[in-house]
Amino acid sequence: MNEDQVKGQIKQVKGQVKEATGKLIGNKTLENKGKVQDITGKIQERYGDLKDDLTTSD
């Protein structure tokens, strides 16, 4: 597991917490920021997966 994969997973968790908190307190802005952070984390994790695949295929 490389650094991008770990950072991506952390961003996803933070985003999910923000999204849930936003839903709980009725704050759409916080909820949307959480969704964006979750998606950003997924992208970063996939980037890490790709890097990992490229380095292990050699």
N, C-alpha and C. Protein backbone atom coordinates (compact mmCIF):
# COMPACT_ATOMS: atom_id res chain seq x y z
N MET A 1 0.85 -1.18 0.00
CA MET A 1 0.00 0.00 0.00
C MET A 1 0.90 1.24 0.00
N ASN A 2 0.66 2.14 -0.94
CA ASN A 2 1.50 3.32 -1.01
C ASN A 2 0.83 4.54 -0.36
N GLU A 3 1.56 5.61 -0.33
CA GLU A 3 1.13 6.82 0.37
C GLU A 3 -0.18 7.39 -0.20
N ASP A 4 -0.32 7.37 -1.53
CA ASP A 4 -1.54 7.90 -2.13
C ASP A 4 -2.77 7.07 -1.75
N GLN A 5 -2.60 5.78 -1.66
CA GLN A 5 -3.72 4.92 -1.27
C GLN A 5 -4.16 5.23 0.16
N VAL A 6 -3.21 5.39 1.04
CA VAL A 6 -3.52 5.68 2.45
C VAL A 6 -4.17 7.05 2.59
N LYS A 7 -3.56 8.05 1.95
CA LYS A 7 -4.12 9.41 2.03
C LYS A 7 -5.53 9.46 1.43
N GLY A 8 -5.74 8.72 0.35
CA GLY A 8 -7.06 8.68 -0.28
C GLY A 8 -8.10 8.07 0.65
N GLN A 9 -7.73 7.01 1.33
CA GLN A 9 -8.66 6.37 2.26
C GLN A 9 -8.98 7.30 3.44
N ILE A 10 -7.98 8.02 3.91
CA ILE A 10 -8.20 8.96 5.01
C ILE A 10 -9.15 10.08 4.56
N LYS A 11 -8.95 10.60 3.35
CA LYS A 11 -9.84 11.64 2.83
C LYS A 11 -11.27 11.12 2.71
N GLN A 12 -11.41 9.87 2.30
CA GLN A 12 -12.74 9.29 2.17
C GLN A 12 -13.45 9.24 3.51
N VAL A 13 -12.75 8.80 4.53
CA VAL A 13 -13.35 8.70 5.87
C VAL A 13 -13.74 10.09 6.38
N LYS A 14 -12.84 11.06 6.21
CA LYS A 14 -13.14 12.43 6.64
C LYS A 14 -14.37 12.96 5.90
N GLY A 15 -14.42 12.69 4.61
CA GLY A 15 -15.56 13.13 3.81
C GLY A 15 -16.86 12.48 4.25
N GLN A 16 -16.81 11.20 4.55
CA GLN A 16 -18.01 10.50 5.00
C GLN A 16 -18.49 11.03 6.34
N VAL A 17 -17.54 11.37 7.21
CA VAL A 17 -17.92 11.95 8.51
C VAL A 17 -18.56 13.32 8.31
N LYS A 18 -17.95 14.15 7.46
CA LYS A 18 -18.53 15.47 7.18
C LYS A 18 -19.92 15.34 6.59
N GLU A 19 -20.06 14.42 5.64
CA GLU A 19 -21.36 14.23 4.99
C GLU A 19 -22.42 13.80 6.00
N ALA A 20 -22.08 12.84 6.85
CA ALA A 20 -23.02 12.37 7.86
C ALA A 20 -23.37 13.47 8.87
N THR A 21 -22.37 14.24 9.26
CA THR A 21 -22.60 15.34 10.19
C THR A 21 -23.51 16.38 9.56
N GLY A 22 -23.25 16.69 8.29
CA GLY A 22 -24.09 17.65 7.58
C GLY A 22 -25.54 17.20 7.50
N LYS A 23 -25.73 15.91 7.23
CA LYS A 23 -27.10 15.37 7.18
C LYS A 23 -27.76 15.44 8.54
N LEU A 24 -26.98 15.10 9.57
CA LEU A 24 -27.52 15.06 10.93
C LEU A 24 -27.98 16.43 11.41
N ILE A 25 -27.17 17.45 11.13
CA ILE A 25 -27.52 18.79 11.63
C ILE A 25 -28.27 19.63 10.59
N GLY A 26 -28.48 19.06 9.41
CA GLY A 26 -29.23 19.77 8.38
C GLY A 26 -28.44 20.86 7.68
N ASN A 27 -27.13 20.66 7.58
CA ASN A 27 -26.26 21.65 6.94
C ASN A 27 -25.85 21.11 5.57
N LYS A 28 -26.52 21.59 4.52
CA LYS A 28 -26.27 21.11 3.15
C LYS A 28 -24.87 21.44 2.68
N THR A 29 -24.32 22.57 3.10
CA THR A 29 -22.97 22.95 2.68
C THR A 29 -21.95 21.95 3.21
N LEU A 30 -22.04 21.61 4.47
CA LEU A 30 -21.14 20.64 5.07
C LEU A 30 -21.32 19.26 4.43
N GLU A 31 -22.56 18.91 4.17
CA GLU A 31 -22.86 17.63 3.52
C GLU A 31 -22.22 17.55 2.13
N ASN A 32 -22.35 18.63 1.37
CA ASN A 32 -21.77 18.65 0.02
C ASN A 32 -20.24 18.67 0.06
N LYS A 33 -19.67 19.39 1.02
CA LYS A 33 -18.20 19.37 1.16
C LYS A 33 -17.72 17.97 1.49
N GLY A 34 -18.47 17.26 2.28
CA GLY A 34 -18.13 15.89 2.62
C GLY A 34 -18.17 14.98 1.40
N LYS A 35 -19.19 15.17 0.56
CA LYS A 35 -19.30 14.36 -0.66
C LYS A 35 -18.11 14.62 -1.58
N VAL A 36 -17.74 15.89 -1.72
CA VAL A 36 -16.61 16.24 -2.58
C VAL A 36 -15.32 15.64 -2.02
N GLN A 37 -15.12 15.73 -0.72
CA GLN A 37 -13.92 15.18 -0.11
C GLN A 37 -13.88 13.65 -0.26
N ASP A 38 -15.01 13.01 -0.15
CA ASP A 38 -15.09 11.56 -0.32
C ASP A 38 -14.69 11.18 -1.75
N ILE A 39 -15.21 11.88 -2.73
CA ILE A 39 -14.88 11.61 -4.13
C ILE A 39 -13.41 11.89 -4.40
N THR A 40 -12.90 12.98 -3.85
CA THR A 40 -11.48 13.30 -4.01
C THR A 40 -10.60 12.19 -3.44
N GLY A 41 -11.00 11.67 -2.31
CA GLY A 41 -10.27 10.56 -1.70
C GLY A 41 -10.29 9.31 -2.55
N LYS A 42 -11.45 9.04 -3.15
CA LYS A 42 -11.55 7.87 -4.03
C LYS A 42 -10.64 8.01 -5.24
N ILE A 43 -10.60 9.22 -5.79
CA ILE A 43 -9.73 9.46 -6.95
C ILE A 43 -8.27 9.28 -6.55
N GLN A 44 -7.88 9.83 -5.41
CA GLN A 44 -6.49 9.71 -4.97
C GLN A 44 -6.14 8.25 -4.69
N GLU A 45 -7.07 7.52 -4.12
CA GLU A 45 -6.81 6.10 -3.85
C GLU A 45 -6.63 5.33 -5.16
N ARG A 46 -7.48 5.62 -6.15
CA ARG A 46 -7.36 4.94 -7.46
C ARG A 46 -6.04 5.29 -8.13
N TYR A 47 -5.60 6.54 -7.98
CA TYR A 47 -4.31 6.95 -8.50
C TYR A 47 -3.20 6.13 -7.84
N GLY A 48 -3.30 5.95 -6.55
CA GLY A 48 -2.33 5.13 -5.83
C GLY A 48 -2.36 3.68 -6.30
N ASP A 49 -3.57 3.17 -6.57
CA ASP A 49 -3.70 1.81 -7.09
C ASP A 49 -2.98 1.68 -8.43
N LEU A 50 -3.17 2.68 -9.28
CA LEU A 50 -2.54 2.67 -10.60
C LEU A 50 -1.02 2.71 -10.47
N LYS A 51 -0.53 3.58 -9.60
CA LYS A 51 0.92 3.67 -9.37
C LYS A 51 1.45 2.33 -8.86
N ASP A 52 0.72 1.73 -7.96
CA ASP A 52 1.13 0.45 -7.39
C ASP A 52 1.15 -0.64 -8.47
N ASP A 53 0.14 -0.65 -9.32
CA ASP A 53 0.09 -1.63 -10.41
C ASP A 53 1.24 -1.45 -11.37
N LEU A 54 1.59 -0.21 -11.66
CA LEU A 54 2.66 0.04 -12.61
C LEU A 54 4.03 -0.36 -12.04
N THR A 55 4.22 -0.15 -10.75
CA THR A 55 5.51 -0.49 -10.16
C THR A 55 5.67 -1.97 -9.91
N THR A 56 4.56 -2.68 -9.68
CA THR A 56 4.65 -4.11 -9.41
C THR A 56 4.63 -4.94 -10.69
N SER A 57 4.26 -4.35 -11.81
CA SER A 57 4.20 -5.11 -13.06
C SER A 57 5.55 -5.25 -13.73
N ASP A 58 6.55 -4.55 -13.25
CA ASP A 58 7.89 -4.62 -13.87
C ASP A 58 8.63 -5.87 -13.50
